[in-house]
C-alpha atoms as a PDB file:
ATOM      1  CA  MET A   1      27.031   1.630 104.075  1.00  0.00           C
ATOM      2  CA  SER A   2      23.806   0.330 102.187  1.00  0.00           C
ATOM      3  CA  ASN A   3      24.292   4.036  99.806  1.00  0.00           C
ATOM      4  CA  SER A   4      27.811   2.297  98.815  1.00  0.00           C
ATOM      5  CA  PHE A   5      25.919  -0.953  98.022  1.00  0.00           C
ATOM      6  CA  GLU A   6      23.415   0.798  95.846  1.00  0.00           C
ATOM      7  CA  LYS A   7      25.793   2.916  93.798  1.00  0.00           C
ATOM      8  CA  TRP A   8      27.614  -0.651  93.312  1.00  0.00           C
ATOM      9  CA  GLU A   9      24.580  -2.253  92.199  1.00  0.00           C
ATOM     10  CA  GLY A  10      23.705   0.867  89.842  1.00  0.00           C
ATOM     11  CA  LEU A  11      27.155   0.558  88.529  1.00  0.00           C
ATOM     12  CA  SER A  12      26.781  -2.944  87.858  1.00  0.00           C
ATOM     13  CA  ASP A  13      23.387  -2.571  86.080  1.00  0.00           C
ATOM     14  CA  HIS A  14      25.178   0.424  83.841  1.00  0.00           C
ATOM     15  CA  VAL A  15      28.031  -2.162  83.073  1.00  0.00           C
ATOM     16  CA  LYS A  16      25.840  -4.821  81.934  1.00  0.00           C
ATOM     17  CA  GLU A  17      23.385  -2.607  79.810  1.00  0.00           C
ATOM     18  CA  TYR A  18      26.861  -1.100  78.316  1.00  0.00           C
ATOM     19  CA  ILE A  19      27.861  -4.639  77.374  1.00  0.00           C
ATOM     20  CA  ASN A  20      24.861  -5.769  75.951  1.00  0.00           C
ATOM     21  CA  THR A  21      24.842  -2.631  73.974  1.00  0.00           C
ATOM     22  CA  ARG A  22      28.198  -3.035  72.759  1.00  0.00           C
ATOM     23  CA  VAL A  23      27.361  -6.912  71.601  1.00  0.00           C
ATOM     24  CA  GLU A  24      24.195  -5.620  69.661  1.00  0.00           C
ATOM     25  CA  LEU A  25      26.157  -2.915  67.916  1.00  0.00           C
ATOM     26  CA  THR A  26      28.731  -5.647  67.367  1.00  0.00           C
ATOM     27  CA  LYS A  27      25.780  -8.010  65.728  1.00  0.00           C
ATOM     28  CA  LEU A  28      24.871  -5.141  63.683  1.00  0.00           C
ATOM     29  CA  GLN A  29      28.097  -4.298  62.373  1.00  0.00           C
ATOM     30  CA  ILE A  30      28.550  -7.865  61.268  1.00  0.00           C
ATOM     31  CA  ALA A  31      24.984  -8.045  59.675  1.00  0.00           C
ATOM     32  CA  GLU A  32      26.137  -4.955  57.861  1.00  0.00           C
ATOM     33  CA  LYS A  33      29.869  -6.047  56.410  1.00  0.00           C
ATOM     34  CA  THR A  34      27.991  -9.676  55.781  1.00  0.00           C
ATOM     35  CA  SER A  35      25.048  -7.792  53.668  1.00  0.00           C
ATOM     36  CA  LEU A  36      27.700  -5.564  52.033  1.00  0.00           C
ATOM     37  CA  VAL A  37      29.932  -8.823  50.857  1.00  0.00           C
ATOM     38  CA  VAL A  38      26.701 -10.979  49.745  1.00  0.00           C
ATOM     39  CA  SER A  39      25.393  -8.004  47.698  1.00  0.00           C
ATOM     40  CA  GLN A  40      28.457  -7.399  45.921  1.00  0.00           C
ATOM     41  CA  LEU A  41      28.575 -11.239  45.232  1.00  0.00           C
ATOM     42  CA  ILE A  42      25.200 -11.172  43.721  1.00  0.00           C
ATOM     43  CA  ALA A  43      25.631  -8.172  41.871  1.00  0.00           C
ATOM     44  CA  VAL A  44      28.948  -9.538  40.338  1.00  0.00           C
ATOM     45  CA  THR A  45      27.293 -13.022  39.709  1.00  0.00           C
ATOM     46  CA  ILE A  46      24.435 -11.024  37.839  1.00  0.00           C
ATOM     47  CA  VAL A  47      26.801  -8.997  35.660  1.00  0.00           C
ATOM     48  CA  ALA A  48      29.093 -12.185  35.058  1.00  0.00           C
ATOM     49  CA  LEU A  49      25.969 -13.915  33.817  1.00  0.00           C
ATOM     50  CA  PHE A  50      25.279 -11.307  31.478  1.00  0.00           C
ATOM     51  CA  PHE A  51      28.494 -11.294  30.172  1.00  0.00           C
ATOM     52  CA  LEU A  52      28.641 -15.001  29.978  1.00  0.00           C
ATOM     53  CA  LEU A  53      25.477 -15.279  27.510  1.00  0.00           C
ATOM     54  CA  PHE A  54      27.087 -12.208  25.199  1.00  0.00           C
ATOM     55  CA  LEU A  55      30.175 -14.276  25.311  1.00  0.00           C
ATOM     56  CA  ILE A  56      28.312 -17.280  24.361  1.00  0.00           C
ATOM     57  CA  PHE A  57      26.235 -15.958  21.493  1.00  0.00           C
ATOM     58  CA  GLY A  58      29.066 -13.278  20.148  1.00  0.00           C
ATOM     59  CA  SER A  59      31.157 -16.979  20.188  1.00  0.00           C
ATOM     60  CA  ILE A  60      28.354 -18.517  17.971  1.00  0.00           C
ATOM     61  CA  ALA A  61      28.317 -15.962  15.655  1.00  0.00           C
ATOM     62  CA  GLY A  62      31.853 -15.314  15.386  1.00  0.00           C
ATOM     63  CA  ALA A  63      32.428 -19.128  14.731  1.00  0.00           C
ATOM     64  CA  TRP A  64      29.448 -19.119  12.551  1.00  0.00           C
ATOM     65  CA  ALA A  65      30.960 -16.228  10.337  1.00  0.00           C
ATOM     66  CA  LEU A  66      34.307 -17.885  10.527  1.00  0.00           C
ATOM     67  CA  SER A  67      32.726 -21.217   9.091  1.00  0.00           C
ATOM     68  CA  ASN A  68      31.204 -19.086   6.297  1.00  0.00           C
ATOM     69  CA  TRP A  69      34.114 -17.325   5.391  1.00  0.00           C
ATOM     70  CA  LEU A  70      36.411 -20.623   5.384  1.00  0.00           C
ATOM     71  CA  GLY A  71      34.101 -22.282   3.611  1.00  0.00           C
ATOM     72  CA  LYS A  72      33.907 -25.418   5.903  1.00  0.00           C
ATOM     73  CA  PRO A  73      31.051 -25.535   8.202  1.00  0.00           C
ATOM     74  CA  TYR A  74      32.796 -26.966  11.208  1.00  0.00           C
ATOM     75  CA  SER A  75      35.996 -25.171  11.152  1.00  0.00           C
ATOM     76  CA  GLY A  76      35.038 -21.446  12.839  1.00  0.00           C
ATOM     77  CA  PHE A  77      33.797 -23.714  15.855  1.00  0.00           C
ATOM     78  CA  LEU A  78      37.076 -25.532  16.173  1.00  0.00           C
ATOM     79  CA  ILE A  79      38.912 -22.400  15.645  1.00  0.00           C
ATOM     80  CA  VAL A  80      36.676 -20.590  18.405  1.00  0.00           C
ATOM     81  CA  ALA A  81      36.943 -23.756  20.945  1.00  0.00           C
ATOM     82  CA  GLY A  82      40.735 -23.440  20.244  1.00  0.00           C
ATOM     83  CA  VAL A  83      41.058 -19.834  21.342  1.00  0.00           C
ATOM     84  CA  TYR A  84      38.806 -20.716  24.519  1.00  0.00           C
ATOM     85  CA  LEU A  85      40.970 -23.693  25.171  1.00  0.00           C
ATOM     86  CA  LEU A  86      44.102 -21.217  25.030  1.00  0.00           C
ATOM     87  CA  LEU A  87      42.702 -18.838  27.293  1.00  0.00           C
ATOM     88  CA  GLY A  88      41.596 -21.655  29.577  1.00  0.00           C
ATOM     89  CA  ILE A  89      44.993 -22.738  29.845  1.00  0.00           C
ATOM     90  CA  ILE A  90      46.271 -19.328  30.765  1.00  0.00           C
ATOM     91  CA  VAL A  91      43.786 -18.622  33.131  1.00  0.00           C
ATOM     92  CA  TRP A  92      44.603 -22.001  34.879  1.00  0.00           C
ATOM     93  CA  LEU A  93      48.115 -21.398  34.947  1.00  0.00           C
ATOM     94  CA  GLY A  94      47.755 -17.797  36.524  1.00  0.00           C
ATOM     95  CA  ARG A  95      44.766 -18.395  38.534  1.00  0.00           C
ATOM     96  CA  GLY A  96      46.641 -17.414  41.769  1.00  0.00           C
ATOM     97  CA  ARG A  97      47.626 -14.031  40.240  1.00  0.00           C
ATOM     98  CA  LEU A  98      44.664 -13.437  37.824  1.00  0.00           C
ATOM     99  CA  LEU A  99      41.687 -14.664  40.265  1.00  0.00           C
ATOM    100  CA  ARG A 100      42.356 -15.641  43.574  1.00  0.00           C
ATOM    101  CA  PHE A 101      44.369 -12.745  45.022  1.00  0.00           C
ATOM    102  CA  PRO A 102      42.310 -10.266  43.321  1.00  0.00           C
ATOM    103  CA  ILE A 103      39.041 -11.562  44.691  1.00  0.00           C
ATOM    104  CA  MET A 104      40.639 -12.063  48.272  1.00  0.00           C
ATOM    105  CA  ASN A 105      41.607  -8.314  48.199  1.00  0.00           C
ATOM    106  CA  ALA A 106      38.123  -6.987  47.056  1.00  0.00           C
ATOM    107  CA  ILE A 107      36.488  -8.939  49.746  1.00  0.00           C
ATOM    108  CA  ILE A 108      38.972  -7.685  52.332  1.00  0.00           C
ATOM    109  CA  LYS A 109      38.632  -4.042  51.260  1.00  0.00           C
ATOM    110  CA  GLN A 110      34.771  -4.183  51.413  1.00  0.00           C
ATOM    111  CA  LEU A 111      35.037  -5.678  54.792  1.00  0.00           C
ATOM    112  CA  GLN A 112      37.738  -3.032  56.055  1.00  0.00           C
ATOM    113  CA  LYS A 113      35.552  -0.371  54.058  1.00  0.00           C
ATOM    114  CA  LYS A 114      33.952   1.125  57.099  1.00  0.00           C
ATOM    115  CA  ASP A 115      36.180   0.271  59.930  1.00  0.00           C
ATOM    116  CA  ASN A 116      37.479   3.894  60.086  1.00  0.00           C
ATOM    117  CA  ASP A 117      33.800   5.480  60.365  1.00  0.00           C
ATOM    118  CA  ASN A 118      33.055   3.042  63.363  1.00  0.00           C
ATOM    119  CA  GLU A 119      35.845   3.696  65.757  1.00  0.00           C
ATOM    120  CA  PRO A 120      35.563   5.610  68.858  1.00  0.00           C
ATOM    121  CA  SER A 121      37.611   8.793  68.928  1.00  0.00           C
END
């Protein structure tokens, strides 16, 4: 009888250890996926910042060139501002299709990227 009790006690210890190991594994998987998403967001933010700086300086140069070409100092800047206004309206009208869905899909794809590798066979 006591031998049976010791077996059950040993089994319960193994089950507790297994559960604790699974909890730790799940925590590590969540941390890994979170760090992947955060690192992707940081990388995209840095690239977007450099692109924004390029766009700003390119816009100033283009506006300046248009102003010199048209002969009026303000005309090139107004044309460039009008182009940006038009682009802003287009992006605003198509924000779901152009921004929201691609960003959501990219995040979901990144979160599910390694699910197939971690499943038990």
